[in-house]
Amino acid sequence: MLPDDLATHIAQKILFIPTLERRDRDQLDFNEVSVWQLRKALNMAYEAGVKAAKTSKEG
């Protein structure tokens, strides 16, 4: 999965943010998330990075 696709996937599934595209409206571009959602999203991104690093070393 490409980095932008992964970021969008995490935003949608974990943070419940429908898009990472700029929409030029504060109520659409700024989102409130809980610390546990943020922790889960960061851990998911970290694990994807670890997996990608292992895959690139093997390939």
PDB file of N, CA and C in Angstrom:
ATOM      1  N   MET A   1       0.857  -1.178   0.000  1.00  0.00           N
ATOM      2  CA  MET A   1       0.000   0.000   0.000  1.00  0.00           C
ATOM      3  C   MET A   1       0.900   1.236   0.000  1.00  0.00           C
ATOM      4  N   LEU A   2       0.569   2.186  -0.833  1.00  0.00           N
ATOM      5  CA  LEU A   2       1.342   3.427  -0.919  1.00  0.00           C
ATOM      6  C   LEU A   2       1.146   4.272   0.344  1.00  0.00           C
ATOM      7  N   PRO A   3       2.149   5.080   0.717  1.00  0.00           N
ATOM      8  CA  PRO A   3       2.037   5.881   1.946  1.00  0.00           C
ATOM      9  C   PRO A   3       0.774   6.744   2.021  1.00  0.00           C
ATOM     10  N   ASP A   4       0.405   7.418   0.929  1.00  0.00           N
ATOM     11  CA  ASP A   4      -0.802   8.246   0.960  1.00  0.00           C
ATOM     12  C   ASP A   4      -2.056   7.395   1.128  1.00  0.00           C
ATOM     13  N   ASP A   5      -2.071   6.237   0.494  1.00  0.00           N
ATOM     14  CA  ASP A   5      -3.211   5.330   0.631  1.00  0.00           C
ATOM     15  C   ASP A   5      -3.309   4.806   2.056  1.00  0.00           C
ATOM     16  N   LEU A   6      -2.169   4.474   2.654  1.00  0.00           N
ATOM     17  CA  LEU A   6      -2.152   4.001   4.040  1.00  0.00           C
ATOM     18  C   LEU A   6      -2.629   5.097   4.985  1.00  0.00           C
ATOM     19  N   ALA A   7      -2.162   6.312   4.798  1.00  0.00           N
ATOM     20  CA  ALA A   7      -2.583   7.430   5.647  1.00  0.00           C
ATOM     21  C   ALA A   7      -4.088   7.648   5.540  1.00  0.00           C
ATOM     22  N   THR A   8      -4.624   7.580   4.340  1.00  0.00           N
ATOM     23  CA  THR A   8      -6.063   7.743   4.145  1.00  0.00           C
ATOM     24  C   THR A   8      -6.821   6.599   4.809  1.00  0.00           C
ATOM     25  N   HIS A   9      -6.327   5.394   4.657  1.00  0.00           N
ATOM     26  CA  HIS A   9      -6.955   4.221   5.276  1.00  0.00           C
ATOM     27  C   HIS A   9      -6.999   4.380   6.801  1.00  0.00           C
ATOM     28  N   ILE A  10      -5.899   4.762   7.399  1.00  0.00           N
ATOM     29  CA  ILE A  10      -5.841   4.951   8.850  1.00  0.00           C
ATOM     30  C   ILE A  10      -6.785   6.073   9.275  1.00  0.00           C
ATOM     31  N   ALA A  11      -6.776   7.171   8.546  1.00  0.00           N
ATOM     32  CA  ALA A  11      -7.654   8.292   8.879  1.00  0.00           C
ATOM     33  C   ALA A  11      -9.120   7.869   8.850  1.00  0.00           C
ATOM     34  N   GLN A  12      -9.488   7.097   7.853  1.00  0.00           N
ATOM     35  CA  GLN A  12     -10.886   6.686   7.712  1.00  0.00           C
ATOM     36  C   GLN A  12     -11.289   5.634   8.732  1.00  0.00           C
ATOM     37  N   LYS A  13     -10.459   4.616   8.906  1.00  0.00           N
ATOM     38  CA  LYS A  13     -10.843   3.480   9.745  1.00  0.00           C
ATOM     39  C   LYS A  13     -10.622   3.714  11.234  1.00  0.00           C
ATOM     40  N   ILE A  14      -9.602   4.451  11.593  1.00  0.00           N
ATOM     41  CA  ILE A  14      -9.256   4.630  13.008  1.00  0.00           C
ATOM     42  C   ILE A  14      -9.736   5.972  13.538  1.00  0.00           C
ATOM     43  N   LEU A  15      -9.528   7.027  12.765  1.00  0.00           N
ATOM     44  CA  LEU A  15      -9.835   8.377  13.235  1.00  0.00           C
ATOM     45  C   LEU A  15     -11.201   8.879  12.759  1.00  0.00           C
ATOM     46  N   PHE A  16     -11.859   8.111  11.897  1.00  0.00           N
ATOM     47  CA  PHE A  16     -13.177   8.464  11.353  1.00  0.00           C
ATOM     48  C   PHE A  16     -13.161   9.808  10.621  1.00  0.00           C
ATOM     49  N   ILE A  17     -12.064  10.049   9.905  1.00  0.00           N
ATOM     50  CA  ILE A  17     -11.917  11.239   9.069  1.00  0.00           C
ATOM     51  C   ILE A  17     -12.111  10.770   7.625  1.00  0.00           C
ATOM     52  N   PRO A  18     -13.132  11.257   6.935  1.00  0.00           N
ATOM     53  CA  PRO A  18     -13.469  10.706   5.619  1.00  0.00           C
ATOM     54  C   PRO A  18     -12.436  10.950   4.522  1.00  0.00           C
ATOM     55  N   THR A  19     -11.702  12.044   4.586  1.00  0.00           N
ATOM     56  CA  THR A  19     -10.720  12.351   3.545  1.00  0.00           C
ATOM     57  C   THR A  19      -9.581  13.161   4.142  1.00  0.00           C
ATOM     58  N   LEU A  20      -8.427  13.048   3.533  1.00  0.00           N
ATOM     59  CA  LEU A  20      -7.285  13.870   3.941  1.00  0.00           C
ATOM     60  C   LEU A  20      -7.063  15.025   2.965  1.00  0.00           C
ATOM     61  N   GLU A  21      -7.995  15.176   2.040  1.00  0.00           N
ATOM     62  CA  GLU A  21      -7.929  16.287   1.097  1.00  0.00           C
ATOM     63  C   GLU A  21      -8.379  17.568   1.784  1.00  0.00           C
ATOM     64  N   ARG A  22      -7.726  18.664   1.447  1.00  0.00           N
ATOM     65  CA  ARG A  22      -8.103  19.979   1.971  1.00  0.00           C
ATOM     66  C   ARG A  22      -9.439  20.396   1.364  1.00  0.00           C
ATOM     67  N   ARG A  23     -10.364  20.864   2.227  1.00  0.00           N
ATOM     68  CA  ARG A  23     -11.687  21.249   1.740  1.00  0.00           C
ATOM     69  C   ARG A  23     -11.994  22.721   2.002  1.00  0.00           C
ATOM     70  N   ASP A  24     -11.035  23.445   2.562  1.00  0.00           N
ATOM     71  CA  ASP A  24     -11.130  24.897   2.774  1.00  0.00           C
ATOM     72  C   ASP A  24     -12.326  25.336   3.624  1.00  0.00           C
ATOM     73  N   ARG A  25     -12.693  24.508   4.569  1.00  0.00           N
ATOM     74  CA  ARG A  25     -13.721  24.870   5.545  1.00  0.00           C
ATOM     75  C   ARG A  25     -13.271  24.320   6.888  1.00  0.00           C
ATOM     76  N   ASP A  26     -13.189  25.193   7.884  1.00  0.00           N
ATOM     77  CA  ASP A  26     -12.687  24.772   9.190  1.00  0.00           C
ATOM     78  C   ASP A  26     -13.423  23.551   9.732  1.00  0.00           C
ATOM     79  N   GLN A  27     -14.749  23.525   9.612  1.00  0.00           N
ATOM     80  CA  GLN A  27     -15.497  22.402  10.172  1.00  0.00           C
ATOM     81  C   GLN A  27     -15.226  21.090   9.446  1.00  0.00           C
ATOM     82  N   LEU A  28     -14.675  21.165   8.245  1.00  0.00           N
ATOM     83  CA  LEU A  28     -14.325  19.959   7.499  1.00  0.00           C
ATOM     84  C   LEU A  28     -12.838  19.628   7.593  1.00  0.00           C
ATOM     85  N   ASP A  29     -11.996  20.628   7.746  1.00  0.00           N
ATOM     86  CA  ASP A  29     -10.545  20.420   7.722  1.00  0.00           C
ATOM     87  C   ASP A  29      -9.924  20.189   9.099  1.00  0.00           C
ATOM     88  N   PHE A  30     -10.635  20.506  10.154  1.00  0.00           N
ATOM     89  CA  PHE A  30     -10.123  20.296  11.513  1.00  0.00           C
ATOM     90  C   PHE A  30     -11.011  19.274  12.207  1.00  0.00           C
ATOM     91  N   ASN A  31     -10.379  18.238  12.742  1.00  0.00           N
ATOM     92  CA  ASN A  31     -11.114  17.144  13.357  1.00  0.00           C
ATOM     93  C   ASN A  31     -10.653  16.933  14.791  1.00  0.00           C
ATOM     94  N   GLU A  32     -11.577  16.556  15.637  1.00  0.00           N
ATOM     95  CA  GLU A  32     -11.258  16.246  17.021  1.00  0.00           C
ATOM     96  C   GLU A  32     -11.157  14.732  17.153  1.00  0.00           C
ATOM     97  N   VAL A  33     -10.046  14.261  17.724  1.00  0.00           N
ATOM     98  CA  VAL A  33      -9.869  12.818  17.926  1.00  0.00           C
ATOM     99  C   VAL A  33      -9.448  12.564  19.370  1.00  0.00           C
ATOM    100  N   SER A  34      -9.779  11.400  19.857  1.00  0.00           N
ATOM    101  CA  SER A  34      -9.386  11.041  21.218  1.00  0.00           C
ATOM    102  C   SER A  34      -7.930  10.579  21.234  1.00  0.00           C
ATOM    103  N   VAL A  35      -7.340  10.609  22.401  1.00  0.00           N
ATOM    104  CA  VAL A  35      -5.940  10.183  22.511  1.00  0.00           C
ATOM    105  C   VAL A  35      -5.797   8.703  22.209  1.00  0.00           C
ATOM    106  N   TRP A  36      -6.808   7.890  22.541  1.00  0.00           N
ATOM    107  CA  TRP A  36      -6.701   6.462  22.248  1.00  0.00           C
ATOM    108  C   TRP A  36      -6.835   6.185  20.761  1.00  0.00           C
ATOM    109  N   GLN A  37      -7.618   6.995  20.049  1.00  0.00           N
ATOM    110  CA  GLN A  37      -7.684   6.853  18.592  1.00  0.00           C
ATOM    111  C   GLN A  37      -6.342   7.252  17.978  1.00  0.00           C
ATOM    112  N   LEU A  38      -5.776   8.347  18.465  1.00  0.00           N
ATOM    113  CA  LEU A  38      -4.489   8.808  17.954  1.00  0.00           C
ATOM    114  C   LEU A  38      -3.410   7.766  18.204  1.00  0.00           C
ATOM    115  N   ARG A  39      -3.385   7.185  19.413  1.00  0.00           N
ATOM    116  CA  ARG A  39      -2.403   6.148  19.736  1.00  0.00           C
ATOM    117  C   ARG A  39      -2.549   4.961  18.790  1.00  0.00           C
ATOM    118  N   LYS A  40      -3.789   4.526  18.557  1.00  0.00           N
ATOM    119  CA  LYS A  40      -4.027   3.395  17.666  1.00  0.00           C
ATOM    120  C   LYS A  40      -3.567   3.704  16.243  1.00  0.00           C
ATOM    121  N   ALA A  41      -3.858   4.912  15.767  1.00  0.00           N
ATOM    122  CA  ALA A  41      -3.452   5.314  14.418  1.00  0.00           C
ATOM    123  C   ALA A  41      -1.933   5.359  14.288  1.00  0.00           C
ATOM    124  N   LEU A  42      -1.261   5.923  15.283  1.00  0.00           N
ATOM    125  CA  LEU A  42       0.201   5.989  15.237  1.00  0.00           C
ATOM    126  C   LEU A  42       0.822   4.594  15.301  1.00  0.00           C
ATOM    127  N   ASN A  43       0.276   3.726  16.134  1.00  0.00           N
ATOM    128  CA  ASN A  43       0.782   2.350  16.212  1.00  0.00           C
ATOM    129  C   ASN A  43       0.576   1.612  14.891  1.00  0.00           C
ATOM    130  N   MET A  44      -0.563   1.828  14.260  1.00  0.00           N
ATOM    131  CA  MET A  44      -0.839   1.188  12.971  1.00  0.00           C
ATOM    132  C   MET A  44       0.154   1.667  11.913  1.00  0.00           C
ATOM    133  N   ALA A  45       0.438   2.955  11.890  1.00  0.00           N
ATOM    134  CA  ALA A  45       1.411   3.499  10.938  1.00  0.00           C
ATOM    135  C   ALA A  45       2.809   2.958  11.216  1.00  0.00           C
ATOM    136  N   TYR A  46       3.171   2.873  12.486  1.00  0.00           N
ATOM    137  CA  TYR A  46       4.484   2.332  12.868  1.00  0.00           C
ATOM    138  C   TYR A  46       4.620   0.879  12.408  1.00  0.00           C
ATOM    139  N   GLU A  47       3.609   0.080  12.707  1.00  0.00           N
ATOM    140  CA  GLU A  47       3.651  -1.332  12.310  1.00  0.00           C
ATOM    141  C   GLU A  47       3.739  -1.487  10.792  1.00  0.00           C
ATOM    142  N   ALA A  48       3.064  -0.632  10.058  1.00  0.00           N
ATOM    143  CA  ALA A  48       3.155  -0.682   8.593  1.00  0.00           C
ATOM    144  C   ALA A  48       4.568  -0.349   8.140  1.00  0.00           C
ATOM    145  N   GLY A  49       5.208   0.597   8.811  1.00  0.00           N
ATOM    146  CA  GLY A  49       6.594   0.940   8.480  1.00  0.00           C
ATOM    147  C   GLY A  49       7.558  -0.195   8.773  1.00  0.00           C
ATOM    148  N   VAL A  50       7.366  -0.854   9.905  1.00  0.00           N
ATOM    149  CA  VAL A  50       8.206  -2.006  10.260  1.00  0.00           C
ATOM    150  C   VAL A  50       8.037  -3.112   9.228  1.00  0.00           C
ATOM    151  N   LYS A  51       6.794  -3.380   8.867  1.00  0.00           N
ATOM    152  CA  LYS A  51       6.507  -4.423   7.872  1.00  0.00           C
ATOM    153  C   LYS A  51       7.138  -4.072   6.524  1.00  0.00           C
ATOM    154  N   ALA A  52       7.036  -2.821   6.111  1.00  0.00           N
ATOM    155  CA  ALA A  52       7.613  -2.378   4.848  1.00  0.00           C
ATOM    156  C   ALA A  52       9.130  -2.514   4.860  1.00  0.00           C
ATOM    157  N   ALA A  53       9.756  -2.194   5.983  1.00  0.00           N
ATOM    158  CA  ALA A  53      11.215  -2.295   6.091  1.00  0.00           C
ATOM    159  C   ALA A  53      11.657  -3.751   5.993  1.00  0.00           C
ATOM    160  N   LYS A  54      10.934  -4.649   6.641  1.00  0.00           N
ATOM    161  CA  LYS A  54      11.263  -6.079   6.577  1.00  0.00           C
ATOM    162  C   LYS A  54      11.098  -6.602   5.163  1.00  0.00           C
ATOM    163  N   THR A  55      10.034  -6.193   4.500  1.00  0.00           N
ATOM    164  CA  THR A  55       9.769  -6.633   3.131  1.00  0.00           C
ATOM    165  C   THR A  55      10.853  -6.158   2.174  1.00  0.00           C
ATOM    166  N   SER A  56      11.302  -4.913   2.342  1.00  0.00           N
ATOM    167  CA  SER A  56      12.331  -4.381   1.429  1.00  0.00           C
ATOM    168  C   SER A  56      13.672  -5.061   1.666  1.00  0.00           C
ATOM    169  N   LYS A  57      13.964  -5.488   2.875  1.00  0.00           N
ATOM    170  CA  LYS A  57      15.216  -6.212   3.147  1.00  0.00           C
ATOM    171  C   LYS A  57      15.178  -7.623   2.567  1.00  0.00           C
ATOM    172  N   GLU A  58      14.022  -8.219   2.570  1.00  0.00           N
ATOM    173  CA  GLU A  58      13.863  -9.593   2.052  1.00  0.00           C
ATOM    174  C   GLU A  58      13.852  -9.638   0.533  1.00  0.00           C
ATOM    175  N   GLY A  59      13.370  -8.529  -0.088  1.00  0.00           N
ATOM    176  CA  GLY A  59      13.186  -8.528  -1.537  1.00  0.00           C
ATOM    177  C   GLY A  59      14.385  -8.049  -2.214  1.00  0.00           C
TER     178      GLY A  59
END
